[in-house]
Amino acid sequence: MKIDAINLDGGAAGSVELNDAIFALEPRADILHRLVRWQRARAQQGTHKVLGKSEVSYSTKKIYRQKGTGGARHGSKKAPIFRHGGVYKGPTPRSHEHDLTKKFRALGLKHALSAKAKAGELVVIEAATVAEAKTALLAKQLSNLGWKRALVIDGAAVDEGFARAARNIANLDILPSMGANVYDILRSDTLVLTKAAVEALEARLK
């Protein structure tokens, strides 16, 4: 498929031929859902922790005699049924990460790119560079282009001046091509690829 490229000032910059095997698939929600769950699970810290019966600070003295009280038999007041007692089978620090094959992760990225292309939310620009690393100038250009929440993916490295100018612009994220991921792509309203990014992604996903 062919798509027109533009400059950051909105001018035409020729056209780019996109690989149909990467940008023209029929997006599958189940694949995208699995990839987003995998990414979010990896991002969880897993530091949740409660105190168990052996960890709470309490006397272990038997709280009353075994027999003759008419009540249930109890020993330590650390038992989970008592107030301030330990928690039974509560959460402990652990990793929430689970496995997905490299082939499936690549497939998910293809479907995310295809979803953006099909929705008309994919834009190709000549290059993510600015003449002057000024936030106000870049913000004005983005406003003129109508990009509300955009993700810009560049080639192997992001231009330093562009990154500096974009640092304080809300709802604008920048990634190198190796950082392209399903979650960030789907949460953006506009996916912006440089020509270098298109080449790098096609080489990565061929």
C-alpha atoms as a PDB file:
ATOM      1  CA  MET A   1       0.000   0.000   0.000  1.00  0.00           C
ATOM      2  CA  LYS A   2       1.152   3.538  -0.735  1.00  0.00           C
ATOM      3  CA  ILE A   3       0.804   6.469   1.659  1.00  0.00           C
ATOM      4  CA  ASP A   4       1.634  10.140   1.214  1.00  0.00           C
ATOM      5  CA  ALA A   5       4.380  11.551   3.416  1.00  0.00           C
ATOM      6  CA  ILE A   6       4.438  15.068   4.832  1.00  0.00           C
ATOM      7  CA  ASN A   7       6.828  17.441   6.577  1.00  0.00           C
ATOM      8  CA  LEU A   8       6.231  18.797  10.065  1.00  0.00           C
ATOM      9  CA  ASP A   9       5.135  22.078   8.482  1.00  0.00           C
ATOM     10  CA  GLY A  10       2.360  20.179   6.649  1.00  0.00           C
ATOM     11  CA  GLY A  11       3.956  20.243   3.202  1.00  0.00           C
ATOM     12  CA  ALA A  12       4.067  17.204   0.920  1.00  0.00           C
ATOM     13  CA  ALA A  13       7.170  15.018   1.057  1.00  0.00           C
ATOM     14  CA  GLY A  14       6.497  12.418  -1.609  1.00  0.00           C
ATOM     15  CA  SER A  15       5.031   9.007  -0.880  1.00  0.00           C
ATOM     16  CA  VAL A  16       6.113   5.800   0.831  1.00  0.00           C
ATOM     17  CA  GLU A  17       5.350   2.223  -0.130  1.00  0.00           C
ATOM     18  CA  LEU A  18       4.285   0.250   2.951  1.00  0.00           C
ATOM     19  CA  ASN A  19       4.640  -3.517   3.188  1.00  0.00           C
ATOM     20  CA  ASP A  20       1.160  -5.088   3.078  1.00  0.00           C
ATOM     21  CA  ALA A  21       2.334  -7.967   5.278  1.00  0.00           C
ATOM     22  CA  ILE A  22       2.952  -5.455   8.098  1.00  0.00           C
ATOM     23  CA  PHE A  23       0.586  -2.539   7.506  1.00  0.00           C
ATOM     24  CA  ALA A  24      -2.400  -4.111   5.710  1.00  0.00           C
ATOM     25  CA  LEU A  25      -3.399  -7.058   7.894  1.00  0.00           C
ATOM     26  CA  GLU A  26      -6.950  -7.422   9.197  1.00  0.00           C
ATOM     27  CA  PRO A  27      -6.461  -6.447  12.875  1.00  0.00           C
ATOM     28  CA  ARG A  28      -7.407  -9.132  15.384  1.00  0.00           C
ATOM     29  CA  ALA A  29      -8.575  -7.906  18.774  1.00  0.00           C
ATOM     30  CA  ASP A  30      -7.650 -11.173  20.520  1.00  0.00           C
ATOM     31  CA  ILE A  31      -3.996 -10.895  19.475  1.00  0.00           C
ATOM     32  CA  LEU A  32      -3.811  -7.226  20.482  1.00  0.00           C
ATOM     33  CA  HIS A  33      -5.484  -8.006  23.803  1.00  0.00           C
ATOM     34  CA  ARG A  34      -2.946 -10.705  24.638  1.00  0.00           C
ATOM     35  CA  LEU A  35      -0.048  -8.391  23.801  1.00  0.00           C
ATOM     36  CA  VAL A  36      -1.400  -5.535  25.942  1.00  0.00           C
ATOM     37  CA  ARG A  37      -1.974  -7.916  28.881  1.00  0.00           C
ATOM     38  CA  TRP A  38       1.577  -9.255  28.484  1.00  0.00           C
ATOM     39  CA  GLN A  39       3.056  -5.737  28.488  1.00  0.00           C
ATOM     40  CA  ARG A  40       1.033  -4.523  31.457  1.00  0.00           C
ATOM     41  CA  ALA A  41       1.813  -7.672  33.442  1.00  0.00           C
ATOM     42  CA  ARG A  42       5.538  -7.110  32.860  1.00  0.00           C
ATOM     43  CA  ALA A  43       5.176  -3.533  34.066  1.00  0.00           C
ATOM     44  CA  GLN A  44       3.628  -4.541  37.399  1.00  0.00           C
ATOM     45  CA  GLN A  45       6.033  -4.207  40.292  1.00  0.00           C
ATOM     46  CA  GLY A  46       4.558  -7.085  42.260  1.00  0.00           C
ATOM     47  CA  THR A  47       5.637  -5.593  45.599  1.00  0.00           C
ATOM     48  CA  HIS A  48       2.277  -6.169  47.324  1.00  0.00           C
ATOM     49  CA  LYS A  49       2.780  -7.685  50.768  1.00  0.00           C
ATOM     50  CA  VAL A  50       0.801  -8.398  53.938  1.00  0.00           C
ATOM     51  CA  LEU A  51       1.885  -9.922  57.249  1.00  0.00           C
ATOM     52  CA  GLY A  52       1.148 -13.569  57.866  1.00  0.00           C
ATOM     53  CA  LYS A  53       0.567 -15.304  61.188  1.00  0.00           C
ATOM     54  CA  SER A  54       4.293 -15.816  61.720  1.00  0.00           C
ATOM     55  CA  GLU A  55       5.112 -12.154  60.981  1.00  0.00           C
ATOM     56  CA  VAL A  56       2.680 -10.062  63.022  1.00  0.00           C
ATOM     57  CA  SER A  57       3.969  -8.585  66.276  1.00  0.00           C
ATOM     58  CA  TYR A  58       2.008 -10.201  69.080  1.00  0.00           C
ATOM     59  CA  SER A  59       2.569 -12.345  72.142  1.00  0.00           C
ATOM     60  CA  THR A  60       2.374 -16.077  71.538  1.00  0.00           C
ATOM     61  CA  LYS A  61       1.026 -16.684  75.042  1.00  0.00           C
ATOM     62  CA  LYS A  62      -2.058 -18.875  75.094  1.00  0.00           C
ATOM     63  CA  ILE A  63      -4.911 -16.382  75.450  1.00  0.00           C
ATOM     64  CA  TYR A  64      -7.025 -18.542  77.782  1.00  0.00           C
ATOM     65  CA  ARG A  65      -7.139 -22.100  79.048  1.00  0.00           C
ATOM     66  CA  GLN A  66      -7.891 -24.964  76.707  1.00  0.00           C
ATOM     67  CA  LYS A  67     -10.977 -26.326  78.458  1.00  0.00           C
ATOM     68  CA  GLY A  68     -13.859 -25.163  80.564  1.00  0.00           C
ATOM     69  CA  THR A  69     -14.560 -21.772  79.011  1.00  0.00           C
ATOM     70  CA  GLY A  70     -17.441 -22.853  76.795  1.00  0.00           C
ATOM     71  CA  GLY A  71     -15.651 -21.237  73.841  1.00  0.00           C
ATOM     72  CA  ALA A  72     -13.516 -22.517  71.028  1.00  0.00           C
ATOM     73  CA  ARG A  73      -9.936 -23.628  71.665  1.00  0.00           C
ATOM     74  CA  HIS A  74      -7.370 -20.947  70.855  1.00  0.00           C
ATOM     75  CA  GLY A  75      -3.666 -20.483  71.302  1.00  0.00           C
ATOM     76  CA  SER A  76      -1.852 -17.478  69.886  1.00  0.00           C
ATOM     77  CA  LYS A  77      -3.771 -14.285  69.193  1.00  0.00           C
ATOM     78  CA  LYS A  78      -1.843 -14.057  65.923  1.00  0.00           C
ATOM     79  CA  ALA A  79      -4.502 -16.274  64.308  1.00  0.00           C
ATOM     80  CA  PRO A  80      -6.206 -14.747  61.226  1.00  0.00           C
ATOM     81  CA  ILE A  81      -9.653 -14.757  62.866  1.00  0.00           C
ATOM     82  CA  PHE A  82      -8.553 -12.186  65.453  1.00  0.00           C
ATOM     83  CA  ARG A  83      -8.255  -8.448  64.959  1.00  0.00           C
ATOM     84  CA  HIS A  84      -4.621  -7.516  64.245  1.00  0.00           C
ATOM     85  CA  GLY A  85      -3.894 -11.158  63.493  1.00  0.00           C
ATOM     86  CA  GLY A  86      -1.976 -12.348  60.462  1.00  0.00           C
ATOM     87  CA  VAL A  87      -3.578 -12.560  57.015  1.00  0.00           C
ATOM     88  CA  TYR A  88      -4.219 -16.044  55.680  1.00  0.00           C
ATOM     89  CA  LYS A  89      -2.728 -16.661  52.218  1.00  0.00           C
ATOM     90  CA  GLY A  90      -2.362 -12.939  51.538  1.00  0.00           C
ATOM     91  CA  PRO A  91      -0.352 -11.442  48.650  1.00  0.00           C
ATOM     92  CA  THR A  92       3.430 -11.742  48.719  1.00  0.00           C
ATOM     93  CA  PRO A  93       6.058 -10.193  46.404  1.00  0.00           C
ATOM     94  CA  ARG A  94       6.093 -11.986  43.059  1.00  0.00           C
ATOM     95  CA  SER A  95       6.475 -11.401  39.362  1.00  0.00           C
ATOM     96  CA  HIS A  96       3.287 -11.132  37.292  1.00  0.00           C
ATOM     97  CA  GLU A  97       5.193 -11.717  34.067  1.00  0.00           C
ATOM     98  CA  HIS A  98       4.197 -14.527  31.722  1.00  0.00           C
ATOM     99  CA  ASP A  99       5.700 -15.732  28.480  1.00  0.00           C
ATOM    100  CA  LEU A 100       4.803 -14.934  24.887  1.00  0.00           C
ATOM    101  CA  THR A 101       6.898 -16.216  22.016  1.00  0.00           C
ATOM    102  CA  LYS A 102       8.997 -13.778  20.011  1.00  0.00           C
ATOM    103  CA  LYS A 103       7.069 -14.758  16.868  1.00  0.00           C
ATOM    104  CA  PHE A 104       3.736 -13.932  18.510  1.00  0.00           C
ATOM    105  CA  ARG A 105       5.032 -10.593  19.807  1.00  0.00           C
ATOM    106  CA  ALA A 106       6.131  -9.663  16.293  1.00  0.00           C
ATOM    107  CA  LEU A 107       2.702 -10.656  14.970  1.00  0.00           C
ATOM    108  CA  GLY A 108       1.045  -8.454  17.580  1.00  0.00           C
ATOM    109  CA  LEU A 109       3.138  -5.449  16.529  1.00  0.00           C
ATOM    110  CA  LYS A 110       2.116  -6.025  12.894  1.00  0.00           C
ATOM    111  CA  HIS A 111      -1.552  -6.077  13.883  1.00  0.00           C
ATOM    112  CA  ALA A 112      -1.149  -2.878  15.917  1.00  0.00           C
ATOM    113  CA  LEU A 113       0.445  -1.084  12.960  1.00  0.00           C
ATOM    114  CA  SER A 114      -2.268  -2.434  10.650  1.00  0.00           C
ATOM    115  CA  ALA A 115      -4.983  -1.288  13.061  1.00  0.00           C
ATOM    116  CA  LYS A 116      -3.653   2.268  12.952  1.00  0.00           C
ATOM    117  CA  ALA A 117      -3.362   2.209   9.162  1.00  0.00           C
ATOM    118  CA  LYS A 118      -6.893   0.862   8.754  1.00  0.00           C
ATOM    119  CA  ALA A 119      -8.322   3.488  11.126  1.00  0.00           C
ATOM    120  CA  GLY A 120      -6.621   6.292   9.186  1.00  0.00           C
ATOM    121  CA  GLU A 121      -4.518   7.194  12.218  1.00  0.00           C
ATOM    122  CA  LEU A 122      -1.139   6.520  10.619  1.00  0.00           C
ATOM    123  CA  VAL A 123       0.986   9.429   9.395  1.00  0.00           C
ATOM    124  CA  VAL A 124       4.383   9.212   7.700  1.00  0.00           C
ATOM    125  CA  ILE A 125       6.715  12.202   7.916  1.00  0.00           C
ATOM    126  CA  GLU A 126       9.991  12.903   6.159  1.00  0.00           C
ATOM    127  CA  ALA A 127      12.001  13.187   9.386  1.00  0.00           C
ATOM    128  CA  ALA A 128      11.492  14.076  13.048  1.00  0.00           C
ATOM    129  CA  THR A 129      13.884  17.011  13.104  1.00  0.00           C
ATOM    130  CA  VAL A 130      13.533  20.691  13.948  1.00  0.00           C
ATOM    131  CA  ALA A 131      15.591  23.672  12.803  1.00  0.00           C
ATOM    132  CA  GLU A 132      15.545  25.038  16.342  1.00  0.00           C
ATOM    133  CA  ALA A 133      15.057  23.024  19.526  1.00  0.00           C
ATOM    134  CA  LYS A 134      12.237  25.209  20.830  1.00  0.00           C
ATOM    135  CA  THR A 135       9.176  23.687  22.484  1.00  0.00           C
ATOM    136  CA  ALA A 136       6.877  26.549  21.469  1.00  0.00           C
ATOM    137  CA  LEU A 137       7.757  26.198  17.775  1.00  0.00           C
ATOM    138  CA  LEU A 138       7.212  22.439  17.738  1.00  0.00           C
ATOM    139  CA  ALA A 139       3.965  22.742  19.717  1.00  0.00           C
ATOM    140  CA  LYS A 140       2.653  25.204  17.143  1.00  0.00           C
ATOM    141  CA  GLN A 141       3.501  22.834  14.297  1.00  0.00           C
ATOM    142  CA  LEU A 142       1.736  19.938  16.038  1.00  0.00           C
ATOM    143  CA  SER A 143      -1.315  22.122  16.689  1.00  0.00           C
ATOM    144  CA  ASN A 144      -1.475  23.070  13.012  1.00  0.00           C
ATOM    145  CA  LEU A 145      -1.296  19.391  12.074  1.00  0.00           C
ATOM    146  CA  GLY A 146      -4.150  18.604  14.472  1.00  0.00           C
ATOM    147  CA  TRP A 147      -2.303  15.921  16.461  1.00  0.00           C
ATOM    148  CA  LYS A 148      -3.907  15.584  19.890  1.00  0.00           C
ATOM    149  CA  ARG A 149      -2.216  12.530  21.417  1.00  0.00           C
ATOM    150  CA  ALA A 150       0.596  11.415  19.156  1.00  0.00           C
ATOM    151  CA  LEU A 151       3.316   8.795  19.273  1.00  0.00           C
ATOM    152  CA  VAL A 152       6.320   9.573  17.079  1.00  0.00           C
ATOM    153  CA  ILE A 153       8.520   6.612  16.155  1.00  0.00           C
ATOM    154  CA  ASP A 154      11.886   7.455  14.596  1.00  0.00           C
ATOM    155  CA  GLY A 155      14.673   5.301  13.186  1.00  0.00           C
ATOM    156  CA  ALA A 156      17.498   3.711  15.157  1.00  0.00           C
ATOM    157  CA  ALA A 157      17.926   6.872  17.252  1.00  0.00           C
ATOM    158  CA  VAL A 158      15.772   9.905  18.044  1.00  0.00           C
ATOM    159  CA  ASP A 159      17.074  13.309  16.967  1.00  0.00           C
ATOM    160  CA  GLU A 160      18.392  15.064  20.087  1.00  0.00           C
ATOM    161  CA  GLY A 161      17.044  18.497  19.164  1.00  0.00           C
ATOM    162  CA  PHE A 162      13.574  17.112  18.417  1.00  0.00           C
ATOM    163  CA  ALA A 163      13.541  15.165  21.689  1.00  0.00           C
ATOM    164  CA  ARG A 164      14.524  18.291  23.624  1.00  0.00           C
ATOM    165  CA  ALA A 165      11.826  20.379  21.955  1.00  0.00           C
ATOM    166  CA  ALA A 166       9.171  17.709  22.569  1.00  0.00           C
ATOM    167  CA  ARG A 167      10.106  17.021  26.194  1.00  0.00           C
ATOM    168  CA  ASN A 168       7.529  19.376  27.733  1.00  0.00           C
ATOM    169  CA  ILE A 169       4.711  18.849  25.248  1.00  0.00           C
ATOM    170  CA  ALA A 170       1.799  16.996  26.824  1.00  0.00           C
ATOM    171  CA  ASN A 171       0.473  13.889  25.036  1.00  0.00           C
ATOM    172  CA  LEU A 172       3.477  13.602  22.726  1.00  0.00           C
ATOM    173  CA  ASP A 173       5.670  10.525  23.073  1.00  0.00           C
ATOM    174  CA  ILE A 174       8.812   9.715  21.097  1.00  0.00           C
ATOM    175  CA  LEU A 175      10.426   6.304  20.664  1.00  0.00           C
ATOM    176  CA  PRO A 176      13.205   4.827  18.544  1.00  0.00           C
ATOM    177  CA  SER A 177      12.132   2.026  16.217  1.00  0.00           C
ATOM    178  CA  MET A 178      13.352  -0.682  18.620  1.00  0.00           C
ATOM    179  CA  GLY A 179      11.069   0.770  21.309  1.00  0.00           C
ATOM    180  CA  ALA A 180       7.915   0.409  19.191  1.00  0.00           C
ATOM    181  CA  ASN A 181       5.353  -1.585  21.161  1.00  0.00           C
ATOM    182  CA  VAL A 182       1.686  -2.512  20.946  1.00  0.00           C
ATOM    183  CA  TYR A 183       0.477  -0.737  24.098  1.00  0.00           C
ATOM    184  CA  ASP A 184       1.943   2.680  23.239  1.00  0.00           C
ATOM    185  CA  ILE A 185       0.783   2.412  19.632  1.00  0.00           C
ATOM    186  CA  LEU A 186      -2.814   1.582  20.552  1.00  0.00           C
ATOM    187  CA  ARG A 187      -3.136   4.254  23.254  1.00  0.00           C
ATOM    188  CA  SER A 188      -2.108   7.037  20.866  1.00  0.00           C
ATOM    189  CA  ASP A 189      -4.651   8.873  18.706  1.00  0.00           C
ATOM    190  CA  THR A 190      -2.113   9.400  15.936  1.00  0.00           C
ATOM    191  CA  LEU A 191       0.820   7.149  15.095  1.00  0.00           C
ATOM    192  CA  VAL A 192       3.576   9.120  13.381  1.00  0.00           C
ATOM    193  CA  LEU A 193       6.361   7.215  11.621  1.00  0.00           C
ATOM    194  CA  THR A 194       9.393   8.776  10.017  1.00  0.00           C
ATOM    195  CA  LYS A 195      10.617   7.293   6.743  1.00  0.00           C
ATOM    196  CA  ALA A 196      13.572   5.880   8.673  1.00  0.00           C
ATOM    197  CA  ALA A 197      11.139   4.248  11.116  1.00  0.00           C
ATOM    198  CA  VAL A 198       9.216   2.592   8.296  1.00  0.00           C
ATOM    199  CA  GLU A 199      12.435   1.075   6.935  1.00  0.00           C
ATOM    200  CA  ALA A 200      13.570  -0.042  10.392  1.00  0.00           C
ATOM    201  CA  LEU A 201      10.200  -1.602  11.303  1.00  0.00           C
ATOM    202  CA  GLU A 202       9.964  -3.439   8.001  1.00  0.00           C
ATOM    203  CA  ALA A 203      13.496  -4.784   8.498  1.00  0.00           C
ATOM    204  CA  ARG A 204      12.644  -5.820  12.067  1.00  0.00           C
ATOM    205  CA  LEU A 205       9.348  -7.524  11.166  1.00  0.00           C
ATOM    206  CA  LYS A 206      10.152  -9.054   7.788  1.00  0.00           C
END
